[in-house]
Amino acid sequence: MTRRPSKHLAPPRPLLSAYPRAAFKADGRWIVQTMPGARAAKRYLCPGCNHPIAPGTPHLVVWPEAPTPGSERAVDDRRHWHRLCWERRP
């Protein structure tokens, strides 16, 4: 039996939705991209409220402009947020 390679070793999948934009928060500059409901096929956990984002729910994908310590690429740190949770974040 052969094992599939870890998904964490593969390059990040492109987000084929609206163009990313920059957002400024208290802890720096972030890249924000809209994820339309039609492209949201998986369940995610919003880091703002710790509630799930159900498949088919429009939301935001957010990552820091620069990689965090221990990451080679900033996009490795991307997270899926409810729009309101992101807007309320300081």
Protein backbone atom coordinates (compact mmCIF):
# COMPACT_ATOMS: atom_id res chain seq x y z
CA MET A 1 0.00 0.00 0.00
CA THR A 2 1.39 3.39 -0.95
CA ARG A 3 0.74 6.45 1.12
CA ARG A 4 -0.21 9.79 -0.31
CA PRO A 5 2.28 12.58 0.32
CA SER A 6 1.35 14.99 3.08
CA LYS A 7 -0.85 17.87 1.96
CA HIS A 8 1.38 20.12 4.07
CA LEU A 9 4.32 19.49 1.74
CA ALA A 10 2.43 20.60 -1.36
CA PRO A 11 2.50 24.23 -2.51
CA PRO A 12 -0.56 26.24 -1.46
CA ARG A 13 -3.51 26.06 -3.81
CA PRO A 14 -4.30 29.31 -5.60
CA LEU A 15 -7.42 31.11 -4.45
CA LEU A 16 -9.30 31.72 -7.67
CA SER A 17 -11.65 34.40 -6.45
CA ALA A 18 -11.48 38.18 -6.31
CA TYR A 19 -8.14 39.92 -6.32
CA PRO A 20 -6.41 40.15 -2.94
CA ARG A 21 -6.19 43.53 -1.24
CA ALA A 22 -4.14 44.91 1.62
CA ALA A 23 -5.64 45.63 5.03
CA PHE A 24 -3.99 47.31 7.99
CA LYS A 25 -4.63 46.09 11.52
CA ALA A 26 -2.97 46.89 14.85
CA ASP A 27 -0.42 44.10 14.31
CA GLY A 28 0.56 45.01 10.75
CA ARG A 29 -0.38 44.69 7.12
CA TRP A 30 -2.49 41.73 5.97
CA ILE A 31 -3.56 40.40 2.59
CA VAL A 32 -7.31 39.76 2.34
CA GLN A 33 -9.09 37.83 -0.37
CA THR A 34 -12.82 37.13 -0.74
CA MET A 35 -13.87 33.49 -0.94
CA PRO A 36 -17.27 33.20 -2.65
CA GLY A 37 -19.68 30.58 -1.35
CA ALA A 38 -19.52 28.61 -4.59
CA ARG A 39 -15.76 28.07 -4.06
CA ALA A 40 -15.96 27.32 -0.33
CA ALA A 41 -16.06 23.53 -0.42
CA LYS A 42 -14.63 22.74 3.01
CA ARG A 43 -15.46 23.51 6.63
CA TYR A 44 -13.12 26.00 8.32
CA LEU A 45 -12.81 27.33 11.85
CA CYS A 46 -12.82 31.13 12.12
CA PRO A 47 -9.95 32.30 14.38
CA GLY A 48 -11.97 35.38 15.35
CA CYS A 49 -14.89 33.59 17.01
CA ASN A 50 -13.82 29.92 16.99
CA HIS A 51 -17.07 28.99 15.24
CA PRO A 52 -17.18 26.97 12.02
CA ILE A 53 -17.52 28.41 8.56
CA ALA A 54 -19.77 25.93 6.78
CA PRO A 55 -19.13 24.76 3.20
CA GLY A 56 -20.86 27.10 0.76
CA THR A 57 -20.53 30.12 3.06
CA PRO A 58 -18.86 33.23 1.60
CA HIS A 59 -15.96 34.37 3.79
CA LEU A 60 -12.47 35.90 3.74
CA VAL A 61 -9.06 34.29 3.45
CA VAL A 62 -6.42 36.33 5.26
CA TRP A 63 -2.64 36.02 5.61
CA PRO A 64 0.14 38.32 6.84
CA GLU A 65 2.08 40.32 4.29
CA ALA A 66 5.38 38.92 5.59
CA PRO A 67 6.02 35.35 6.80
CA THR A 68 5.83 34.77 10.52
CA PRO A 69 8.86 33.25 12.28
CA GLY A 70 9.07 29.59 11.36
CA SER A 71 7.22 29.99 8.04
CA GLU A 72 8.94 30.17 4.69
CA ARG A 73 6.02 31.92 2.96
CA ALA A 74 3.39 34.26 4.34
CA VAL A 75 0.63 32.38 2.50
CA ASP A 76 1.44 29.34 4.69
CA ASP A 77 -0.17 31.30 7.56
CA ARG A 78 -3.47 31.98 5.78
CA ARG A 79 -6.66 31.58 7.76
CA HIS A 80 -10.35 31.65 6.88
CA TRP A 81 -12.43 34.32 8.66
CA HIS A 82 -16.08 35.33 8.83
CA ARG A 83 -16.28 38.78 7.24
CA LEU A 84 -17.73 40.38 10.40
CA CYS A 85 -15.11 38.76 12.63
CA TRP A 86 -12.34 40.18 10.45
CA GLU A 87 -13.92 43.64 10.34
CA ARG A 88 -14.23 43.69 14.15
CA ARG A 89 -10.61 42.67 14.65
CA PRO A 90 -8.51 45.61 15.93
